[in-house]
Amino acid sequence: MNPTPDSIPEALRNHLATNSSADVPSVTRYVDQGAALVTPEAIEALRRLHASLQAKIAGIADSALLRQRLELLTRYFMATSDAPPTDATTQREVAFALLYFLKGVDQIPDSVPEVGLLDDAMIVQTVLQRHETVLEAHATRHNLRGSQTSDR
């Protein structure tokens, strides 16, 4: 099942479907390019996919840390997506990371034991590192104990 609906712009869907490392010069650049394609329509589509997102996160058995980090990104996204963002770059990159996690086809299929979520974890880690201050402030404001934005 591919949970990305038609309301996600075609350019963003195409970018999410990029599966060749030759097409992606670095994770940071991939996130930059993907976040630039996140539109208000994509944000609204991701809001509608909240239940699917929560179910997929809950199904992560191999990595409590990745599950915790995705939960933080989801909480941040849901808290900031219904109003004009105070930090549009963070919102777009968080939305992109969540859409990447939700998509049906991955560089490494999610079903591969122990390594299937590695590409997802790399995207999430990149976004967390780039927006650590904003995300830590959000976790503190909302008393999200145990949220991990870094490896410290």
N, C-alpha and C. Protein backbone atom coordinates (compact mmCIF):
# COMPACT_ATOMS: atom_id res chain seq x y z
N MET A 1 0.84 -1.18 0.00
CA MET A 1 0.00 0.00 0.00
C MET A 1 0.88 1.24 0.00
N ASN A 2 0.61 2.16 -0.86
CA ASN A 2 1.31 3.43 -0.90
C ASN A 2 0.42 4.49 -0.28
N PRO A 3 0.74 4.95 0.94
CA PRO A 3 -0.14 5.87 1.63
C PRO A 3 -0.04 7.32 1.18
N THR A 4 0.77 7.63 0.20
CA THR A 4 0.87 9.02 -0.25
C THR A 4 -0.24 9.29 -1.26
N PRO A 5 -1.21 10.13 -0.91
CA PRO A 5 -2.37 10.36 -1.78
C PRO A 5 -2.04 11.25 -2.97
N ASP A 6 -3.00 11.30 -3.89
CA ASP A 6 -2.83 12.10 -5.10
C ASP A 6 -2.65 13.58 -4.82
N SER A 7 -3.06 14.05 -3.63
CA SER A 7 -2.92 15.47 -3.33
C SER A 7 -1.47 15.86 -3.04
N ILE A 8 -0.59 14.89 -2.96
CA ILE A 8 0.84 15.19 -2.83
C ILE A 8 1.32 15.53 -4.24
N PRO A 9 1.98 16.68 -4.39
CA PRO A 9 2.43 17.08 -5.73
C PRO A 9 3.26 16.00 -6.41
N GLU A 10 3.08 15.90 -7.72
CA GLU A 10 3.77 14.87 -8.48
C GLU A 10 5.29 14.96 -8.33
N ALA A 11 5.82 16.17 -8.32
CA ALA A 11 7.27 16.34 -8.19
C ALA A 11 7.76 15.76 -6.86
N LEU A 12 7.00 15.97 -5.80
CA LEU A 12 7.37 15.41 -4.49
C LEU A 12 7.24 13.89 -4.50
N ARG A 13 6.16 13.37 -5.09
CA ARG A 13 6.01 11.91 -5.19
C ARG A 13 7.18 11.30 -5.98
N ASN A 14 7.57 11.95 -7.06
CA ASN A 14 8.70 11.46 -7.85
C ASN A 14 10.00 11.48 -7.05
N HIS A 15 10.20 12.55 -6.28
CA HIS A 15 11.40 12.66 -5.46
C HIS A 15 11.42 11.56 -4.40
N LEU A 16 10.28 11.33 -3.77
CA LEU A 16 10.18 10.26 -2.76
C LEU A 16 10.45 8.89 -3.37
N ALA A 17 10.15 8.73 -4.65
CA ALA A 17 10.34 7.45 -5.33
C ALA A 17 11.76 7.25 -5.84
N THR A 18 12.62 8.25 -5.70
CA THR A 18 14.00 8.12 -6.15
C THR A 18 14.66 6.97 -5.41
N ASN A 19 15.11 5.97 -6.14
CA ASN A 19 15.69 4.79 -5.51
C ASN A 19 17.13 4.52 -5.90
N SER A 20 17.69 5.35 -6.73
CA SER A 20 19.06 5.12 -7.15
C SER A 20 19.99 6.07 -6.41
N SER A 21 21.00 5.53 -5.76
CA SER A 21 21.94 6.40 -5.05
C SER A 21 22.67 7.32 -6.02
N ALA A 22 22.71 6.98 -7.30
CA ALA A 22 23.32 7.86 -8.30
C ALA A 22 22.47 9.13 -8.47
N ASP A 23 21.17 9.02 -8.19
CA ASP A 23 20.27 10.17 -8.29
C ASP A 23 20.31 11.06 -7.05
N VAL A 24 20.92 10.59 -5.98
CA VAL A 24 20.93 11.31 -4.70
C VAL A 24 22.38 11.55 -4.27
N PRO A 25 22.88 12.78 -4.40
CA PRO A 25 24.28 13.03 -4.09
C PRO A 25 24.62 12.89 -2.60
N SER A 26 23.69 13.22 -1.71
CA SER A 26 23.90 13.05 -0.27
C SER A 26 22.54 13.10 0.42
N VAL A 27 22.50 12.58 1.63
CA VAL A 27 21.24 12.59 2.38
C VAL A 27 20.80 14.03 2.62
N THR A 28 21.73 14.89 2.97
CA THR A 28 21.40 16.29 3.24
C THR A 28 20.79 16.95 2.00
N ARG A 29 21.40 16.72 0.88
CA ARG A 29 20.88 17.31 -0.37
C ARG A 29 19.52 16.70 -0.72
N TYR A 30 19.35 15.42 -0.50
CA TYR A 30 18.07 14.76 -0.75
C TYR A 30 16.97 15.38 0.12
N VAL A 31 17.28 15.62 1.39
CA VAL A 31 16.31 16.26 2.29
C VAL A 31 16.03 17.68 1.82
N ASP A 32 17.06 18.44 1.47
CA ASP A 32 16.87 19.80 0.96
C ASP A 32 15.93 19.81 -0.24
N GLN A 33 16.23 18.94 -1.20
CA GLN A 33 15.43 18.90 -2.43
C GLN A 33 13.99 18.47 -2.12
N GLY A 34 13.83 17.48 -1.26
CA GLY A 34 12.49 17.01 -0.93
C GLY A 34 11.69 18.04 -0.16
N ALA A 35 12.32 18.68 0.82
CA ALA A 35 11.61 19.69 1.62
C ALA A 35 11.17 20.87 0.76
N ALA A 36 11.97 21.20 -0.24
CA ALA A 36 11.61 22.30 -1.15
C ALA A 36 10.34 21.98 -1.94
N LEU A 37 10.01 20.70 -2.06
CA LEU A 37 8.83 20.27 -2.82
C LEU A 37 7.59 20.12 -1.95
N VAL A 38 7.74 20.28 -0.64
CA VAL A 38 6.60 20.15 0.27
C VAL A 38 5.74 21.41 0.16
N THR A 39 4.50 21.23 -0.24
CA THR A 39 3.54 22.32 -0.43
C THR A 39 2.50 22.29 0.68
N PRO A 40 1.70 23.35 0.79
CA PRO A 40 0.59 23.30 1.76
C PRO A 40 -0.34 22.10 1.52
N GLU A 41 -0.52 21.71 0.27
CA GLU A 41 -1.35 20.55 -0.04
C GLU A 41 -0.71 19.26 0.50
N ALA A 42 0.60 19.16 0.39
CA ALA A 42 1.30 17.98 0.92
C ALA A 42 1.19 17.95 2.44
N ILE A 43 1.28 19.11 3.06
CA ILE A 43 1.13 19.18 4.52
C ILE A 43 -0.27 18.73 4.93
N GLU A 44 -1.28 19.19 4.22
CA GLU A 44 -2.65 18.78 4.53
C GLU A 44 -2.83 17.29 4.29
N ALA A 45 -2.25 16.75 3.23
CA ALA A 45 -2.34 15.31 2.96
C ALA A 45 -1.69 14.52 4.09
N LEU A 46 -0.55 14.99 4.58
CA LEU A 46 0.12 14.29 5.67
C LEU A 46 -0.73 14.35 6.94
N ARG A 47 -1.39 15.45 7.18
CA ARG A 47 -2.31 15.53 8.34
C ARG A 47 -3.39 14.45 8.23
N ARG A 48 -3.92 14.26 7.02
CA ARG A 48 -4.96 13.24 6.83
C ARG A 48 -4.40 11.82 6.99
N LEU A 49 -3.10 11.67 6.82
CA LEU A 49 -2.45 10.36 6.96
C LEU A 49 -1.98 10.07 8.39
N HIS A 50 -2.38 10.90 9.33
CA HIS A 50 -1.91 10.77 10.71
C HIS A 50 -2.13 9.37 11.27
N ALA A 51 -3.30 8.79 11.06
CA ALA A 51 -3.58 7.44 11.59
C ALA A 51 -2.65 6.41 10.97
N SER A 52 -2.41 6.50 9.65
CA SER A 52 -1.49 5.57 8.99
C SER A 52 -0.07 5.75 9.51
N LEU A 53 0.31 6.98 9.73
CA LEU A 53 1.63 7.28 10.26
C LEU A 53 1.79 6.68 11.66
N GLN A 54 0.81 6.90 12.52
CA GLN A 54 0.87 6.37 13.88
C GLN A 54 0.94 4.85 13.87
N ALA A 55 0.17 4.21 12.99
CA ALA A 55 0.17 2.75 12.92
C ALA A 55 1.53 2.23 12.46
N LYS A 56 2.13 2.88 11.48
CA LYS A 56 3.43 2.42 10.99
C LYS A 56 4.50 2.62 12.05
N ILE A 57 4.46 3.74 12.76
CA ILE A 57 5.42 3.99 13.84
C ILE A 57 5.26 2.93 14.93
N ALA A 58 4.03 2.65 15.31
CA ALA A 58 3.77 1.66 16.36
C ALA A 58 4.27 0.27 15.96
N GLY A 59 4.35 0.01 14.67
CA GLY A 59 4.80 -1.29 14.19
C GLY A 59 6.30 -1.47 14.14
N ILE A 60 7.06 -0.44 14.49
CA ILE A 60 8.52 -0.56 14.48
C ILE A 60 8.95 -1.40 15.68
N ALA A 61 9.48 -2.56 15.40
CA ALA A 61 9.89 -3.46 16.48
C ALA A 61 11.40 -3.44 16.72
N ASP A 62 12.17 -3.11 15.70
CA ASP A 62 13.63 -3.22 15.78
C ASP A 62 14.34 -2.06 16.45
N SER A 63 13.68 -0.89 16.54
CA SER A 63 14.39 0.28 17.06
C SER A 63 13.48 1.20 17.85
N ALA A 64 13.61 1.11 19.17
CA ALA A 64 12.84 2.00 20.04
C ALA A 64 13.27 3.46 19.82
N LEU A 65 14.55 3.68 19.54
CA LEU A 65 15.05 5.04 19.33
C LEU A 65 14.42 5.65 18.07
N LEU A 66 14.38 4.91 16.98
CA LEU A 66 13.75 5.43 15.77
C LEU A 66 12.27 5.70 16.02
N ARG A 67 11.60 4.78 16.69
CA ARG A 67 10.18 4.97 17.01
C ARG A 67 9.99 6.27 17.81
N GLN A 68 10.81 6.47 18.82
CA GLN A 68 10.73 7.66 19.67
C GLN A 68 10.99 8.94 18.85
N ARG A 69 11.96 8.89 17.97
CA ARG A 69 12.28 10.06 17.15
C ARG A 69 11.15 10.38 16.17
N LEU A 70 10.57 9.35 15.57
CA LEU A 70 9.42 9.57 14.67
C LEU A 70 8.22 10.11 15.43
N GLU A 71 8.02 9.63 16.64
CA GLU A 71 6.91 10.16 17.47
C GLU A 71 7.12 11.65 17.75
N LEU A 72 8.36 12.05 18.05
CA LEU A 72 8.66 13.46 18.27
C LEU A 72 8.38 14.28 17.01
N LEU A 73 8.85 13.80 15.87
CA LEU A 73 8.61 14.52 14.62
C LEU A 73 7.12 14.61 14.33
N THR A 74 6.39 13.54 14.59
CA THR A 74 4.94 13.54 14.35
C THR A 74 4.24 14.53 15.27
N ARG A 75 4.61 14.55 16.53
CA ARG A 75 3.99 15.50 17.48
C ARG A 75 4.29 16.94 17.06
N TYR A 76 5.54 17.18 16.68
CA TYR A 76 5.91 18.53 16.22
C TYR A 76 5.08 18.89 14.99
N PHE A 77 5.02 18.00 14.03
CA PHE A 77 4.28 18.26 12.80
C PHE A 77 2.81 18.55 13.09
N MET A 78 2.18 17.71 13.87
CA MET A 78 0.74 17.89 14.16
C MET A 78 0.50 19.18 14.93
N ALA A 79 1.41 19.56 15.80
CA ALA A 79 1.25 20.78 16.58
C ALA A 79 1.45 22.04 15.75
N THR A 80 2.22 21.93 14.68
CA THR A 80 2.57 23.13 13.91
C THR A 80 1.92 23.20 12.53
N SER A 81 1.25 22.15 12.11
CA SER A 81 0.78 22.11 10.72
C SER A 81 -0.57 22.76 10.48
N ASP A 82 -1.27 23.13 11.52
CA ASP A 82 -2.59 23.74 11.31
C ASP A 82 -2.58 25.25 11.45
N ALA A 83 -1.40 25.82 11.59
CA ALA A 83 -1.27 27.27 11.70
C ALA A 83 -0.06 27.70 10.87
N PRO A 84 0.03 28.97 10.53
CA PRO A 84 1.24 29.42 9.83
C PRO A 84 2.47 29.06 10.66
N PRO A 85 3.44 28.40 10.06
CA PRO A 85 4.59 27.94 10.83
C PRO A 85 5.48 29.09 11.29
N THR A 86 6.02 28.93 12.50
CA THR A 86 7.01 29.90 12.96
C THR A 86 8.36 29.60 12.33
N ASP A 87 8.55 28.37 11.93
CA ASP A 87 9.78 27.97 11.24
C ASP A 87 9.39 27.06 10.08
N ALA A 88 9.18 27.67 8.93
CA ALA A 88 8.70 26.94 7.75
C ALA A 88 9.69 25.89 7.29
N THR A 89 10.99 26.16 7.40
CA THR A 89 11.99 25.19 6.96
C THR A 89 11.91 23.93 7.81
N THR A 90 11.83 24.10 9.12
CA THR A 90 11.71 22.94 9.99
C THR A 90 10.45 22.16 9.67
N GLN A 91 9.34 22.86 9.52
CA GLN A 91 8.07 22.18 9.23
C GLN A 91 8.15 21.38 7.93
N ARG A 92 8.71 21.97 6.89
CA ARG A 92 8.81 21.27 5.60
C ARG A 92 9.74 20.06 5.69
N GLU A 93 10.87 20.20 6.38
CA GLU A 93 11.80 19.07 6.49
C GLU A 93 11.22 17.96 7.35
N VAL A 94 10.52 18.31 8.42
CA VAL A 94 9.86 17.30 9.25
C VAL A 94 8.79 16.59 8.42
N ALA A 95 8.00 17.34 7.69
CA ALA A 95 6.96 16.74 6.84
C ALA A 95 7.61 15.81 5.81
N PHE A 96 8.69 16.24 5.21
CA PHE A 96 9.37 15.39 4.23
C PHE A 96 9.86 14.09 4.87
N ALA A 97 10.47 14.17 6.05
CA ALA A 97 10.96 12.96 6.73
C ALA A 97 9.80 12.01 7.02
N LEU A 98 8.67 12.54 7.45
CA LEU A 98 7.51 11.69 7.75
C LEU A 98 6.93 11.08 6.48
N LEU A 99 6.88 11.86 5.41
CA LEU A 99 6.39 11.32 4.13
C LEU A 99 7.34 10.24 3.61
N TYR A 100 8.63 10.45 3.78
CA TYR A 100 9.60 9.45 3.36
C TYR A 100 9.37 8.15 4.14
N PHE A 101 9.17 8.26 5.44
CA PHE A 101 8.91 7.09 6.27
C PHE A 101 7.64 6.36 5.83
N LEU A 102 6.63 7.11 5.44
CA LEU A 102 5.34 6.52 5.05
C LEU A 102 5.34 5.88 3.66
N LYS A 103 6.22 6.34 2.79
CA LYS A 103 6.12 5.91 1.39
C LYS A 103 6.27 4.40 1.25
N GLY A 104 5.74 3.90 0.16
CA GLY A 104 5.70 2.46 -0.04
C GLY A 104 6.98 1.82 -0.53
N VAL A 105 7.81 2.53 -1.28
CA VAL A 105 9.01 1.95 -1.87
C VAL A 105 10.22 2.68 -1.28
N ASP A 106 11.17 1.92 -0.76
CA ASP A 106 12.35 2.49 -0.12
C ASP A 106 13.63 2.04 -0.81
N GLN A 107 14.68 2.81 -0.55
CA GLN A 107 16.03 2.41 -0.98
C GLN A 107 16.32 1.02 -0.40
N ILE A 108 16.01 0.85 0.88
CA ILE A 108 16.12 -0.46 1.54
C ILE A 108 14.70 -0.81 1.98
N PRO A 109 14.10 -1.89 1.48
CA PRO A 109 12.73 -2.23 1.88
C PRO A 109 12.61 -2.36 3.40
N ASP A 110 11.58 -1.74 3.96
CA ASP A 110 11.38 -1.75 5.41
C ASP A 110 11.28 -3.16 5.98
N SER A 111 10.89 -4.11 5.18
CA SER A 111 10.69 -5.48 5.66
C SER A 111 11.99 -6.26 5.87
N VAL A 112 13.12 -5.72 5.44
CA VAL A 112 14.40 -6.41 5.62
C VAL A 112 14.80 -6.29 7.10
N PRO A 113 14.89 -7.43 7.81
CA PRO A 113 15.20 -7.38 9.25
C PRO A 113 16.49 -6.63 9.54
N GLU A 114 16.47 -5.85 10.59
CA GLU A 114 17.59 -5.11 11.16
C GLU A 114 18.12 -3.96 10.32
N VAL A 115 17.95 -3.97 9.01
CA VAL A 115 18.46 -2.87 8.19
C VAL A 115 17.38 -2.18 7.36
N GLY A 116 16.17 -2.69 7.39
CA GLY A 116 15.10 -2.17 6.53
C GLY A 116 14.73 -0.72 6.79
N LEU A 117 14.94 -0.27 8.01
CA LEU A 117 14.59 1.12 8.34
C LEU A 117 15.81 2.03 8.36
N LEU A 118 16.95 1.53 7.90
CA LEU A 118 18.18 2.32 7.94
C LEU A 118 18.08 3.60 7.12
N ASP A 119 17.52 3.52 5.92
CA ASP A 119 17.39 4.73 5.10
C ASP A 119 16.43 5.72 5.76
N ASP A 120 15.36 5.21 6.35
CA ASP A 120 14.42 6.09 7.06
C ASP A 120 15.13 6.76 8.24
N ALA A 121 15.91 5.97 8.98
CA ALA A 121 16.64 6.51 10.13
C ALA A 121 17.63 7.59 9.72
N MET A 122 18.26 7.42 8.55
CA MET A 122 19.21 8.43 8.08
C MET A 122 18.50 9.75 7.77
N ILE A 123 17.34 9.67 7.16
CA ILE A 123 16.56 10.89 6.86
C ILE A 123 16.14 11.55 8.16
N VAL A 124 15.59 10.75 9.09
CA VAL A 124 15.14 11.28 10.38
C VAL A 124 16.30 11.92 11.13
N GLN A 125 17.44 11.24 11.19
CA GLN A 125 18.61 11.77 11.89
C GLN A 125 19.07 13.09 11.28
N THR A 126 19.07 13.18 9.97
CA THR A 126 19.48 14.42 9.31
C THR A 126 18.57 15.57 9.72
N VAL A 127 17.27 15.34 9.70
CA VAL A 127 16.31 16.39 10.07
C VAL A 127 16.47 16.74 11.55
N LEU A 128 16.63 15.75 12.41
CA LEU A 128 16.81 16.02 13.84
C LEU A 128 18.07 16.85 14.10
N GLN A 129 19.16 16.50 13.45
CA GLN A 129 20.40 17.25 13.65
C GLN A 129 20.27 18.69 13.16
N ARG A 130 19.63 18.88 12.03
CA ARG A 130 19.52 20.22 11.46
C ARG A 130 18.60 21.13 12.26
N HIS A 131 17.65 20.53 12.97
CA HIS A 131 16.64 21.33 13.69
C HIS A 131 16.58 20.97 15.17
N GLU A 132 17.71 20.56 15.71
CA GLU A 132 17.78 20.09 17.09
C GLU A 132 17.25 21.13 18.07
N THR A 133 17.63 22.37 17.92
CA THR A 133 17.21 23.40 18.87
C THR A 133 15.69 23.58 18.86
N VAL A 134 15.11 23.68 17.69
CA VAL A 134 13.66 23.87 17.56
C VAL A 134 12.92 22.66 18.12
N LEU A 135 13.37 21.47 17.78
CA LEU A 135 12.68 20.25 18.22
C LEU A 135 12.85 20.00 19.71
N GLU A 136 14.03 20.30 20.25
CA GLU A 136 14.22 20.16 21.70
C GLU A 136 13.35 21.16 22.45
N ALA A 137 13.25 22.39 21.94
CA ALA A 137 12.37 23.39 22.58
C ALA A 137 10.92 22.92 22.54
N HIS A 138 10.49 22.35 21.43
CA HIS A 138 9.13 21.82 21.33
C HIS A 138 8.91 20.70 22.35
N ALA A 139 9.86 19.77 22.44
CA ALA A 139 9.74 18.66 23.40
C ALA A 139 9.68 19.18 24.83
N THR A 140 10.48 20.19 25.14
CA THR A 140 10.47 20.77 26.49
C THR A 140 9.16 21.48 26.77
N ARG A 141 8.69 22.30 25.83
CA ARG A 141 7.42 23.03 26.00
C ARG A 141 6.25 22.09 26.23
N HIS A 142 6.29 20.95 25.57
CA HIS A 142 5.16 20.01 25.65
C HIS A 142 5.44 18.83 26.58
N ASN A 143 6.49 18.96 27.37
CA ASN A 143 6.84 17.97 28.38
C ASN A 143 6.90 16.55 27.79
N LEU A 144 7.59 16.43 26.68
CA LEU A 144 7.74 15.13 26.03
C LEU A 144 9.01 14.48 26.57
N ARG A 145 8.91 13.93 27.74
CA ARG A 145 10.06 13.30 28.38
C ARG A 145 10.55 12.11 27.55
N GLY A 146 11.87 11.98 27.51
CA GLY A 146 12.45 10.85 26.81
C GLY A 146 12.59 11.06 25.31
N SER A 147 12.15 12.21 24.79
CA SER A 147 12.32 12.46 23.37
C SER A 147 13.79 12.63 23.07
N GLN A 148 14.25 11.95 22.06
CA GLN A 148 15.66 11.98 21.69
C GLN A 148 15.84 12.71 20.38
N THR A 149 16.47 13.89 20.45
CA THR A 149 16.78 14.58 19.21
C THR A 149 18.23 14.38 18.82
N SER A 150 19.01 13.86 19.74
CA SER A 150 20.43 13.64 19.43
C SER A 150 20.86 12.32 20.05
N ASP A 151 22.11 11.95 19.78
CA ASP A 151 22.64 10.70 20.31
C ASP A 151 23.28 10.88 21.67
N ARG A 152 23.21 12.09 22.20
CA ARG A 152 23.86 12.35 23.50
C ARG A 152 23.18 11.63 24.62
